[in-house]
Protein backbone atom coordinates (compact mmCIF):
# COMPACT_ATOMS: atom_id res chain seq x y z
CA MET A 1 -9.00 -48.18 -11.12
CA LEU A 2 -9.22 -44.39 -11.87
CA ALA A 3 -6.24 -42.01 -11.36
CA LYS A 4 -6.54 -38.33 -11.94
CA LEU A 5 -3.39 -36.18 -11.45
CA ARG A 6 -3.24 -31.94 -12.21
CA THR A 7 -0.89 -30.78 -14.44
CA PHE A 8 -0.39 -27.02 -17.04
CA SER A 9 -0.28 -26.97 -20.51
CA LEU A 10 1.63 -23.90 -22.21
CA LEU A 11 -1.05 -21.30 -24.06
CA GLY A 12 1.18 -18.50 -24.98
CA ILE A 13 3.08 -17.61 -21.67
CA ASP A 14 0.40 -18.30 -19.49
CA ALA A 15 -0.05 -21.82 -17.86
CA VAL A 16 -3.37 -23.35 -18.55
CA PRO A 17 -4.97 -25.54 -16.17
CA VAL A 18 -4.86 -29.11 -17.26
CA ASP A 19 -6.08 -32.72 -15.89
CA ILE A 20 -4.61 -36.19 -16.47
CA GLU A 21 -7.45 -38.78 -15.99
CA VAL A 22 -6.56 -42.52 -16.37
CA ASP A 23 -8.45 -45.35 -16.53
CA ILE A 24 -7.58 -49.09 -17.01
CA SER A 25 -9.84 -51.47 -18.01
CA PRO A 26 -9.60 -55.42 -18.80
CA THR A 27 -9.06 -56.45 -22.50
CA SER A 28 -7.65 -59.51 -24.24
CA MET A 29 -5.11 -56.71 -26.37
CA PRO A 30 -3.18 -54.35 -24.59
CA LYS A 31 -3.76 -50.94 -26.00
CA THR A 32 -3.12 -47.47 -25.04
CA VAL A 33 -5.42 -44.72 -25.70
CA MET A 34 -4.57 -40.96 -25.50
CA VAL A 35 -7.86 -38.54 -26.05
CA GLY A 36 -8.45 -34.86 -25.14
CA LEU A 37 -6.76 -33.25 -28.46
CA PRO A 38 -3.20 -34.26 -27.74
CA GLU A 39 -0.87 -33.18 -30.50
CA ALA A 40 1.75 -35.49 -32.40
CA ALA A 41 4.41 -34.77 -30.09
CA VAL A 42 2.17 -35.61 -26.95
CA ARG A 43 0.32 -38.92 -29.23
CA GLU A 44 4.31 -40.46 -29.82
CA SER A 45 5.47 -39.84 -25.95
CA ILE A 46 3.06 -42.94 -25.19
CA HIS A 47 5.75 -45.05 -26.76
CA ARG A 48 8.59 -43.15 -23.91
CA ILE A 49 6.42 -43.34 -20.98
CA GLU A 50 6.04 -46.95 -21.30
CA ARG A 51 9.56 -47.74 -21.95
CA ALA A 52 10.68 -45.11 -18.70
CA ILE A 53 7.99 -47.21 -16.19
CA VAL A 54 9.46 -50.94 -17.27
CA ASN A 55 13.23 -49.21 -16.93
CA SER A 56 12.55 -47.50 -13.85
CA GLY A 57 11.52 -51.17 -12.30
CA TYR A 58 7.76 -50.91 -12.82
CA VAL A 59 5.36 -53.35 -14.76
CA ARG A 60 3.27 -52.33 -18.05
CA PRO A 61 0.26 -52.92 -17.71
CA GLN A 62 -1.26 -55.40 -20.11
CA ASP A 63 -4.68 -53.92 -20.34
CA ARG A 64 -6.67 -51.68 -22.08
CA VAL A 65 -5.17 -47.95 -21.32
CA VAL A 66 -7.15 -44.30 -21.64
CA VAL A 67 -5.53 -41.40 -21.12
CA ASN A 68 -7.85 -38.73 -21.28
CA MET A 69 -6.78 -34.67 -20.91
CA ALA A 70 -9.25 -32.15 -19.94
CA PRO A 71 -10.16 -29.82 -21.14
CA ALA A 72 -10.68 -31.81 -24.25
CA ASP A 73 -10.83 -28.93 -26.73
CA LEU A 74 -7.61 -27.38 -25.61
CA PRO A 75 -5.06 -28.78 -27.95
CA LYS A 76 -1.81 -30.50 -26.19
CA ASN A 77 1.68 -29.88 -27.50
CA ALA A 78 4.28 -30.55 -24.48
CA ALA A 79 6.62 -33.07 -23.37
CA SER A 80 5.72 -31.49 -20.08
CA PHE A 81 3.01 -34.57 -19.64
CA ASP A 82 4.99 -37.57 -19.58
CA LEU A 83 5.43 -37.65 -15.61
CA PRO A 84 2.29 -36.92 -14.70
CA THR A 85 0.87 -39.25 -17.91
CA SER A 86 3.52 -42.31 -16.12
CA LEU A 87 2.00 -41.38 -12.56
CA GLY A 88 -1.08 -41.69 -13.54
CA ILE A 89 -0.82 -45.18 -15.56
CA LEU A 90 1.09 -46.24 -11.86
CA ALA A 91 -1.77 -45.22 -9.59
CA ALA A 92 -4.66 -46.63 -11.90
CA SER A 93 -2.37 -49.94 -12.23
CA GLY A 94 -2.47 -50.15 -8.21
CA GLN A 95 1.85 -50.04 -8.18
CA ILE A 96 1.43 -46.99 -6.34
CA ARG A 97 -0.90 -45.06 -3.58
CA SER A 98 -0.91 -41.36 -3.05
CA GLU A 99 -2.75 -38.98 -1.06
CA ARG A 100 -0.65 -35.52 -2.42
CA PHE A 101 -2.05 -35.85 -6.00
CA ALA A 102 -5.00 -33.65 -4.89
CA ASP A 103 -2.39 -31.47 -3.61
CA TYR A 104 0.40 -30.81 -5.96
CA ALA A 105 0.69 -30.42 -9.81
CA VAL A 106 3.15 -32.71 -11.69
CA VAL A 107 5.12 -31.65 -14.63
CA GLY A 108 7.92 -33.20 -16.62
CA GLU A 109 9.66 -34.99 -19.56
CA LEU A 110 10.99 -38.30 -19.49
CA ALA A 111 14.29 -40.29 -20.76
CA LEU A 112 13.77 -43.93 -21.79
CA ASP A 113 15.68 -44.84 -18.56
CA GLY A 114 13.34 -43.17 -16.34
CA SER A 115 15.27 -39.99 -15.76
CA MET A 116 13.91 -36.28 -15.98
CA ARG A 117 14.63 -33.83 -18.66
CA PRO A 118 13.90 -30.37 -18.21
CA ILE A 119 10.80 -28.45 -19.72
CA LYS A 120 10.16 -24.61 -20.88
CA GLY A 121 8.26 -22.75 -19.15
CA ALA A 122 8.36 -24.12 -15.31
CA LEU A 123 7.76 -20.33 -13.96
CA SER A 124 4.69 -20.01 -15.51
CA HIS A 125 3.35 -23.85 -14.21
CA ALA A 126 4.38 -22.31 -11.11
CA MET A 127 3.03 -19.31 -11.08
CA GLN A 128 -0.76 -21.22 -12.04
CA ALA A 129 -0.17 -23.82 -8.88
CA ALA A 130 0.08 -20.89 -6.47
CA ALA A 131 -2.94 -19.04 -8.66
CA MET A 132 -4.80 -22.37 -7.92
CA GLY A 133 -3.99 -22.72 -3.81
CA LEU A 134 -2.29 -25.93 -4.89
CA LYS A 135 0.91 -26.88 -2.15
CA GLY A 136 3.59 -27.30 -4.64
CA ILE A 137 4.58 -28.44 -7.80
CA VAL A 138 6.40 -31.54 -8.86
CA LEU A 139 9.15 -31.14 -11.84
CA PRO A 140 12.45 -31.44 -12.69
CA ALA A 141 15.67 -30.76 -10.61
CA GLU A 142 16.71 -28.19 -13.46
CA ASN A 143 13.71 -26.36 -13.15
CA GLY A 144 13.77 -26.07 -9.57
CA ALA A 145 15.59 -23.06 -8.73
CA GLU A 146 13.44 -21.47 -11.49
CA ALA A 147 9.91 -22.84 -9.75
CA ALA A 148 11.44 -21.86 -6.69
CA VAL A 149 11.10 -17.69 -7.89
CA VAL A 150 6.80 -18.06 -7.16
CA GLU A 151 7.53 -18.05 -2.89
CA GLU A 152 3.91 -19.03 -2.41
CA ILE A 153 4.50 -22.99 -3.26
CA GLU A 154 6.79 -25.31 -3.04
CA ALA A 155 9.27 -26.35 -6.06
CA ILE A 156 9.75 -30.04 -5.36
CA PRO A 157 13.05 -31.24 -7.47
CA VAL A 158 12.95 -34.57 -8.93
CA ARG A 159 15.76 -36.75 -10.63
CA SER A 160 13.86 -39.54 -12.12
CA LEU A 161 10.29 -41.17 -12.31
CA THR A 162 11.52 -43.16 -9.04
CA GLU A 163 11.96 -39.88 -6.87
CA ALA A 164 8.75 -38.56 -7.71
CA VAL A 165 6.74 -41.56 -7.33
CA GLY A 166 8.22 -42.07 -3.92
CA PHE A 167 7.68 -38.32 -2.98
CA LEU A 168 3.93 -38.81 -3.91
CA SER A 169 3.64 -42.14 -2.40
CA GLY A 170 5.12 -40.41 0.99
CA ALA A 171 7.83 -43.08 1.29
CA ILE A 172 10.84 -40.25 0.94
CA ASP A 173 10.64 -36.75 1.58
CA ILE A 174 11.84 -34.03 -0.71
CA GLU A 175 13.05 -30.58 0.30
CA PRO A 176 11.62 -28.05 -1.41
CA VAL A 177 14.28 -25.25 -3.73
CA PRO A 178 14.37 -22.54 -1.59
CA PRO A 179 13.43 -18.91 -3.40
CA ARG A 180 17.04 -17.15 -3.67
CA ILE A 181 15.63 -13.63 -5.30
CA GLU A 182 17.36 -11.48 -3.96
CA GLU A 183 20.96 -13.44 -4.52
CA TYR A 184 20.33 -13.32 -8.00
CA PHE A 185 19.50 -10.23 -8.26
CA ARG A 186 23.26 -9.56 -6.46
CA GLN A 187 25.00 -12.10 -8.38
CA TYR A 188 23.27 -11.07 -12.12
CA SER A 189 21.90 -7.45 -12.23
CA SER A 190 25.71 -5.31 -12.65
CA TYR A 191 26.57 -4.66 -16.58
CA GLU A 192 29.58 -5.47 -17.66
CA VAL A 193 29.38 -2.04 -20.49
CA ASP A 194 29.62 1.36 -19.44
CA PHE A 195 28.93 4.75 -21.52
CA ALA A 196 32.28 6.12 -20.03
CA ASP A 197 33.66 3.40 -22.74
CA VAL A 198 32.28 5.92 -25.47
CA ARG A 199 34.97 8.40 -26.16
CA GLY A 200 32.80 11.38 -27.20
CA GLN A 201 29.50 11.51 -28.53
CA GLU A 202 28.24 13.81 -25.50
CA MET A 203 24.98 15.11 -27.09
CA ALA A 204 24.08 11.41 -28.20
CA LYS A 205 24.64 10.28 -24.58
CA ARG A 206 22.31 13.75 -23.72
CA ALA A 207 19.86 12.45 -25.79
CA LEU A 208 19.80 8.93 -24.72
CA VAL A 209 19.35 10.29 -21.18
CA ILE A 210 16.36 11.98 -21.75
CA ALA A 211 14.89 8.88 -23.78
CA ALA A 212 15.58 6.39 -20.79
CA ALA A 213 14.16 8.90 -18.45
CA ALA A 214 10.90 8.75 -19.83
CA ALA A 215 10.61 5.76 -22.16
CA HIS A 216 10.80 7.75 -25.28
CA ASN A 217 11.97 5.89 -28.36
CA LEU A 218 15.09 7.07 -30.34
CA LEU A 219 16.39 7.03 -33.90
CA MET A 220 20.06 7.96 -34.29
CA VAL A 221 21.57 8.84 -37.46
CA GLY A 222 25.15 9.23 -37.90
CA PRO A 223 27.84 7.37 -40.87
CA PRO A 224 29.15 3.77 -40.23
CA GLY A 225 31.40 3.63 -37.45
CA SER A 226 30.40 6.73 -35.47
CA GLY A 227 29.59 4.78 -32.42
CA LYS A 228 25.69 3.82 -32.77
CA THR A 229 25.37 0.21 -31.62
CA MET A 230 28.09 0.70 -28.97
CA LEU A 231 25.60 3.91 -27.30
CA ALA A 232 22.76 1.88 -27.86
CA LYS A 233 23.99 -1.63 -26.52
CA ARG A 234 25.01 0.81 -23.07
CA VAL A 235 21.17 2.12 -23.12
CA PRO A 236 19.79 -0.91 -20.73
CA SER A 237 22.99 0.36 -18.32
CA ILE A 238 20.92 3.58 -17.38
CA LEU A 239 17.89 2.29 -17.03
CA PRO A 240 16.24 1.65 -13.98
CA ASP A 241 17.01 -1.54 -11.81
CA LEU A 242 13.83 -4.44 -13.08
CA THR A 243 11.69 -4.77 -10.04
CA PRO A 244 10.70 -7.98 -9.11
CA SER A 245 7.43 -8.16 -10.73
CA GLU A 246 9.45 -7.15 -13.86
CA SER A 247 11.81 -9.85 -13.91
CA VAL A 248 9.12 -12.17 -13.21
CA GLU A 249 7.00 -10.90 -16.42
CA THR A 250 10.28 -10.61 -18.99
CA THR A 251 11.86 -14.14 -16.73
CA ARG A 252 7.98 -15.74 -18.32
CA ILE A 253 8.81 -14.77 -21.89
CA TYR A 254 12.14 -16.41 -22.18
CA SER A 255 11.31 -19.28 -20.08
CA VAL A 256 8.10 -20.68 -22.56
CA THR A 257 10.75 -20.02 -25.59
CA GLY A 258 13.85 -22.13 -24.08
CA ARG A 259 15.90 -18.79 -23.82
CA LEU A 260 16.63 -18.53 -20.22
CA PRO A 261 20.33 -18.54 -19.72
CA THR A 262 21.72 -21.86 -18.32
CA ASN A 263 21.84 -21.22 -14.23
CA GLN A 264 20.14 -18.21 -14.44
CA PRO A 265 16.50 -18.97 -13.45
CA LEU A 266 15.72 -15.22 -13.19
CA LEU A 267 16.56 -12.22 -15.50
CA THR A 268 17.64 -9.58 -13.79
CA GLN A 269 19.14 -7.19 -16.13
CA ARG A 270 16.74 -5.20 -18.57
CA PRO A 271 16.34 -7.50 -21.74
CA PHE A 272 18.50 -5.93 -25.23
CA ARG A 273 17.60 -7.71 -28.40
CA SER A 274 19.16 -6.87 -31.69
CA PRO A 275 17.27 -8.85 -34.63
CA HIS A 276 19.03 -8.68 -38.08
CA HIS A 277 17.26 -7.19 -40.55
CA THR A 278 16.47 -9.88 -42.55
CA ILE A 279 14.03 -10.97 -39.59
CA SER A 280 10.67 -12.18 -40.75
CA GLU A 281 7.18 -10.45 -39.25
CA ALA A 282 6.55 -13.17 -37.01
CA GLY A 283 9.89 -13.36 -35.83
CA LEU A 284 9.69 -9.92 -35.07
CA VAL A 285 6.15 -10.09 -33.49
CA GLY A 286 5.28 -13.37 -32.90
CA GLY A 287 3.63 -16.02 -34.60
CA GLY A 288 3.73 -19.42 -35.52
CA ASN A 289 1.28 -22.33 -34.36
CA PRO A 290 0.78 -22.19 -31.61
CA PRO A 291 1.61 -18.69 -31.62
CA SER A 292 5.08 -18.04 -29.70
CA PRO A 293 6.64 -14.65 -28.86
CA GLY A 294 8.72 -12.52 -30.84
CA GLU A 295 11.92 -10.26 -30.70
CA ILE A 296 9.71 -7.38 -29.41
CA SER A 297 8.07 -9.68 -26.26
CA HIS A 298 11.89 -10.70 -25.84
CA SER A 299 12.72 -7.08 -25.38
CA HIS A 300 9.52 -6.45 -22.90
CA ASN A 301 10.84 -4.24 -20.17
CA GLY A 302 13.90 -3.42 -21.61
CA VAL A 303 15.32 -2.36 -25.41
CA LEU A 304 14.55 -3.51 -28.75
CA PHE A 305 17.77 -2.30 -31.21
CA LEU A 306 17.10 -2.27 -34.95
CA ASP A 307 20.46 -1.61 -36.88
CA GLU A 308 20.23 -0.62 -40.49
CA LEU A 309 16.82 0.61 -39.89
CA PRO A 310 15.83 1.04 -43.80
CA GLU A 311 17.14 -2.25 -44.35
CA PHE A 312 13.98 -3.93 -42.61
CA GLN A 313 11.49 -4.88 -44.92
CA ARG A 314 8.53 -2.12 -44.64
CA ARG A 315 5.97 -4.33 -43.86
CA THR A 316 8.06 -6.32 -40.76
CA LEU A 317 8.29 -2.72 -39.65
CA GLU A 318 4.89 -1.71 -39.99
CA VAL A 319 3.63 -4.32 -37.67
CA MET A 320 4.98 -3.13 -34.81
CA ARG A 321 2.98 0.23 -34.86
CA GLN A 322 0.62 -1.42 -33.03
CA PRO A 323 2.65 -2.77 -30.04
CA LEU A 324 4.63 0.46 -29.90
CA GLU A 325 1.25 2.34 -29.06
CA ASP A 326 -0.33 -0.35 -26.81
CA GLY A 327 2.39 -1.91 -25.15
CA ASN A 328 1.41 -5.35 -25.92
CA VAL A 329 0.67 -7.65 -29.24
CA THR A 330 -2.37 -10.32 -30.30
CA ILE A 331 -2.08 -13.03 -32.36
CA ALA A 332 -4.77 -13.96 -34.13
CA ARG A 333 -5.88 -17.17 -35.03
CA ALA A 334 -9.11 -18.82 -36.33
CA THR A 335 -9.57 -20.34 -32.95
CA ARG A 336 -8.45 -18.24 -30.56
CA SER A 337 -6.22 -15.04 -29.94
CA THR A 338 -3.15 -15.05 -27.79
CA THR A 339 -1.81 -11.41 -26.32
CA PHE A 340 1.85 -10.77 -25.41
CA PRO A 341 3.60 -8.16 -23.47
CA ALA A 342 5.67 -5.57 -25.34
CA ASP A 343 6.21 -2.64 -23.45
CA PHE A 344 9.71 -2.11 -24.96
CA MET A 345 11.69 0.91 -26.04
CA LEU A 346 12.69 0.92 -29.31
CA VAL A 347 16.25 2.16 -30.09
CA ALA A 348 17.04 2.50 -34.05
CA ALA A 349 19.70 3.05 -36.10
CA MET A 350 20.64 3.78 -39.84
CA ASN A 351 23.15 5.46 -42.18
CA PRO A 352 22.15 9.23 -43.59
CA CYS A 353 22.51 7.88 -47.30
CA PRO A 354 22.61 4.48 -48.64
CA CYS A 355 26.99 4.50 -49.11
CA GLY A 356 26.54 6.22 -45.67
CA TYR A 357 29.17 8.77 -45.82
CA ARG A 358 26.23 12.19 -46.71
CA ASN A 359 27.83 14.90 -44.25
CA ASP A 360 30.75 13.10 -43.26
CA PRO A 361 34.44 15.76 -43.96
CA ARG A 362 36.20 12.87 -44.36
CA ARG A 363 34.66 10.97 -47.10
CA ASP A 364 33.01 11.36 -49.91
CA CYS A 365 29.22 10.87 -50.79
CA HIS A 366 27.77 9.96 -54.44
CA CYS A 367 24.79 9.11 -53.53
CA ASN A 368 22.49 11.99 -55.38
CA VAL A 369 19.25 13.61 -53.70
CA PRO A 370 16.63 10.92 -55.27
CA GLN A 371 18.68 8.10 -53.72
CA VAL A 372 18.79 9.67 -50.63
CA GLU A 373 15.12 10.47 -50.39
CA ARG A 374 14.30 6.81 -51.65
CA TYR A 375 16.46 5.41 -48.69
CA ILE A 376 15.00 7.61 -45.91
CA GLY A 377 11.82 7.14 -47.80
CA LYS A 378 11.94 3.16 -46.97
CA ILE A 379 10.90 3.86 -43.11
CA SER A 380 7.27 5.09 -43.43
CA GLY A 381 6.09 8.53 -42.06
CA PRO A 382 3.60 7.21 -39.36
CA LEU A 383 6.98 4.76 -38.23
CA LEU A 384 8.73 7.42 -37.91
CA ASP A 385 5.95 9.52 -35.89
CA ARG A 386 5.95 7.02 -33.48
CA ILE A 387 9.92 7.79 -32.77
CA ASP A 388 10.21 10.88 -30.50
CA ILE A 389 13.68 11.72 -30.73
CA GLN A 390 15.53 11.30 -33.91
CA ILE A 391 19.61 12.62 -33.26
CA GLU A 392 22.21 12.91 -35.81
CA VAL A 393 25.39 10.78 -34.62
CA PRO A 394 28.64 12.33 -36.48
CA ALA A 395 32.04 10.51 -36.87
CA VAL A 396 33.90 11.57 -33.53
CA PRO A 397 37.12 13.70 -33.87
CA PHE A 398 40.56 12.13 -33.42
CA ALA A 399 41.31 14.31 -30.98
CA GLU A 400 38.17 13.18 -28.93
CA LEU A 401 38.90 9.34 -29.59
CA SER A 402 43.14 10.10 -28.25
CA ALA A 403 41.30 12.01 -25.41
CA LYS A 404 42.88 10.48 -21.90
CA THR A 405 39.62 12.11 -20.04
CA PRO A 406 36.77 9.92 -19.69
CA GLY A 407 33.63 10.80 -20.67
CA ILE A 408 30.20 10.47 -18.54
CA SER A 409 29.76 7.35 -17.10
CA SER A 410 26.56 4.84 -16.75
CA GLU A 411 26.38 5.66 -13.62
CA GLU A 412 25.95 9.40 -13.78
CA MET A 413 23.90 8.66 -16.42
CA ARG A 414 21.24 6.40 -14.68
CA ALA A 415 21.25 9.03 -11.64
CA GLN A 416 20.07 11.65 -13.77
CA VAL A 417 17.45 9.02 -15.28
CA MET A 418 16.54 8.26 -12.11
CA GLU A 419 15.93 11.24 -10.44
CA ALA A 420 13.55 12.81 -13.55
CA ARG A 421 11.67 9.05 -13.24
CA LYS A 422 10.48 10.06 -9.40
CA ILE A 423 9.03 13.35 -10.63
CA GLN A 424 7.03 11.30 -13.25
CA ALA A 425 6.21 8.39 -10.67
CA ARG A 426 4.74 11.43 -8.05
CA ARG A 427 3.03 13.03 -11.45
CA PHE A 428 1.07 9.75 -12.70
CA ILE A 429 0.06 8.34 -9.10
CA GLY A 430 -3.13 6.20 -9.30
CA SER A 431 -3.01 6.31 -13.35
CA LYS A 432 -1.78 3.52 -15.32
CA THR A 433 0.80 5.95 -17.54
CA ARG A 434 4.19 5.70 -15.96
CA TYR A 435 6.18 7.60 -18.14
CA ASN A 436 6.30 10.88 -20.41
CA GLY A 437 6.94 8.88 -23.15
CA GLN A 438 3.16 7.09 -22.46
CA MET A 439 0.94 10.27 -21.88
CA SER A 440 -2.34 10.54 -23.97
CA SER A 441 -3.43 13.58 -25.38
CA ARG A 442 -5.21 14.33 -22.46
CA GLU A 443 -2.29 13.89 -20.42
CA ILE A 444 0.04 16.27 -22.38
CA ARG A 445 -2.57 18.84 -22.10
CA LYS A 446 -2.89 18.43 -18.29
CA PHE A 447 0.61 18.17 -17.97
CA CYS A 448 2.69 20.44 -19.90
CA HIS A 449 1.98 23.52 -19.10
CA LEU A 450 4.18 26.00 -21.60
CA THR A 451 5.59 29.72 -21.38
CA GLU A 452 3.49 32.10 -23.75
CA ALA A 453 7.34 32.17 -25.79
CA SER A 454 7.46 28.39 -25.93
CA VAL A 455 4.06 28.40 -27.48
CA ALA A 456 4.74 30.72 -29.84
CA LEU A 457 8.08 28.67 -30.62
CA LEU A 458 6.01 25.81 -30.98
CA LYS A 459 3.83 27.11 -33.51
CA GLN A 460 6.07 28.45 -35.46
CA SER A 461 8.03 25.02 -35.70
CA VAL A 462 4.62 23.20 -36.45
CA HIS A 463 4.03 25.45 -39.65
CA SER A 464 7.87 25.21 -40.76
CA LEU A 465 8.52 21.81 -40.91
CA GLY A 466 5.35 20.80 -41.00
CA LEU A 467 4.67 18.38 -37.83
CA SER A 468 1.85 16.19 -37.65
CA ALA A 469 -0.22 16.05 -35.05
CA ARG A 470 1.45 12.60 -33.20
CA ALA A 471 4.78 14.48 -33.77
CA HIS A 472 3.36 17.80 -31.87
CA ASP A 473 2.57 15.67 -29.15
CA LYS A 474 5.52 14.44 -29.34
CA VAL A 475 7.98 17.05 -29.30
CA LEU A 476 5.80 18.66 -25.68
CA ARG A 477 6.27 14.56 -24.00
CA THR A 478 9.85 15.25 -25.18
CA ALA A 479 9.93 18.64 -23.77
CA ARG A 480 8.14 17.75 -20.71
CA THR A 481 11.25 14.83 -19.90
CA ILE A 482 14.06 17.68 -20.68
CA ALA A 483 12.03 20.32 -18.23
CA ASP A 484 11.81 17.39 -15.82
CA LEU A 485 15.96 16.37 -15.79
CA ASP A 486 16.02 20.46 -15.61
CA GLY A 487 13.62 20.36 -12.27
CA ALA A 488 11.31 23.05 -14.21
CA THR A 489 7.82 23.11 -13.84
CA ASN A 490 6.81 24.85 -16.61
CA ILE A 491 7.91 23.98 -20.50
CA ASP A 492 9.95 26.80 -20.98
CA ILE A 493 11.56 28.04 -24.96
CA PRO A 494 15.07 25.91 -23.85
CA HIS A 495 13.24 23.10 -23.55
CA ILE A 496 10.52 23.20 -26.62
CA SER A 497 13.87 24.32 -28.65
CA GLU A 498 15.83 20.78 -27.63
CA ALA A 499 12.82 18.96 -28.25
CA ILE A 500 12.37 20.51 -31.61
CA ASN A 501 15.90 19.65 -32.08
CA TYR A 502 15.31 16.07 -31.91
CA ARG A 503 13.04 15.69 -34.66
CA MET A 504 16.11 16.18 -37.11
CA LEU A 505 13.93 13.98 -40.03
CA ASP A 506 11.20 16.63 -39.65
CA ARG A 507 13.97 19.30 -40.32
CA GLY A 508 15.19 17.69 -43.74
CA VAL A 509 18.75 17.01 -41.95
CA GLY A 510 20.32 13.63 -42.81
């Protein structure tokens, strides 16, 4: 007999359809053969599958079993093939019959006793099942809520091989897991941190509002303990809520890498990632075989915070240049390439010198000029050009630390960000561009209208600071956002002046 089931294999963050075909024929020596480019994790699963079948009360076929995984040129490397393979063996040996194989996809890992174990990428599997027009997907109960986020299909949770057999054979009915998207947003979307906790640094908060309003990348330069990390961790709290589509995009990435928080099937907060400076290139942008998303993809629709920026390997930082421009990263291999989303807001922090206390009135700095230049020179000019806003974060005076009056809160800052983003939504309607920070050169010429006085100021600044063409455009993008926050149609002298002040490394400050 021949049995055929539908399942999926993960390729990057996408699920690719795979057909499991099982054929059983008489032979003098029992043998199981798996074909279709199964990797080691899949080849060795046959022993686990056979014991799960026996321990669930079924009979292991004493014949020649051929399991084909089509398409044959796609490498298969996941434990999620356990359940469809075992069901195929049972169907091909005549132990079960099912009319539901054509309507439902099946994924799941088995334990030796036949119970189910959770898998990675359940959301991607469910999305592909919906795209194929299937009625539903049968998967481990632990993954049911995650798959139920896709409302177009039924997510059938099973806890064992026996339950899966019962459902697919029609012996029992299992209620699909209901989608609870609104409930997840109510339960998990609030932030525990608030900018009101940060004493002083009102100028830095102003710069963060500008950065958040239009997805500008930002660099903070200041001595240790001035609050750079504290400020960065609170940036997601002033960004707009994730939309349902953005939430699904982000959740898929965490799902396929197994980093989805326990009991939270949908991410509803903007991600905040802060990798250590010893991270490798593959860890930052993605890599491996098969390719897996890196930290920049885990920051998709959120914030990537790089503390102690000059301590990162220069080559590691340089690989970020293309993702910062394009919003995605492509990992190319000899046989195929994989593209991961990487549309994130970069927030970086660094000390002004190797010891960290240059220009700090409270501490002496013993770094000479060549040491400072070498330290800042660890960050390449092209990378700095891609950072729109560069600000100084000085040490906070005691008077501000001990002040009873709280600073501006995340709620107040977020209200300013939302108003600016509404203006940008109207400006870029019908365009792929969403924020000022993403404007192309053509869009800058179209939307950045300067007064005569502001043109003269910008011209003088470009010559005196030696700004590159990219830095010139960054100033205009930032000035456009400042004007939006003021509700101004044209960019005037105060807007240009403030935007130029946010190029502190170009001014030789630090």
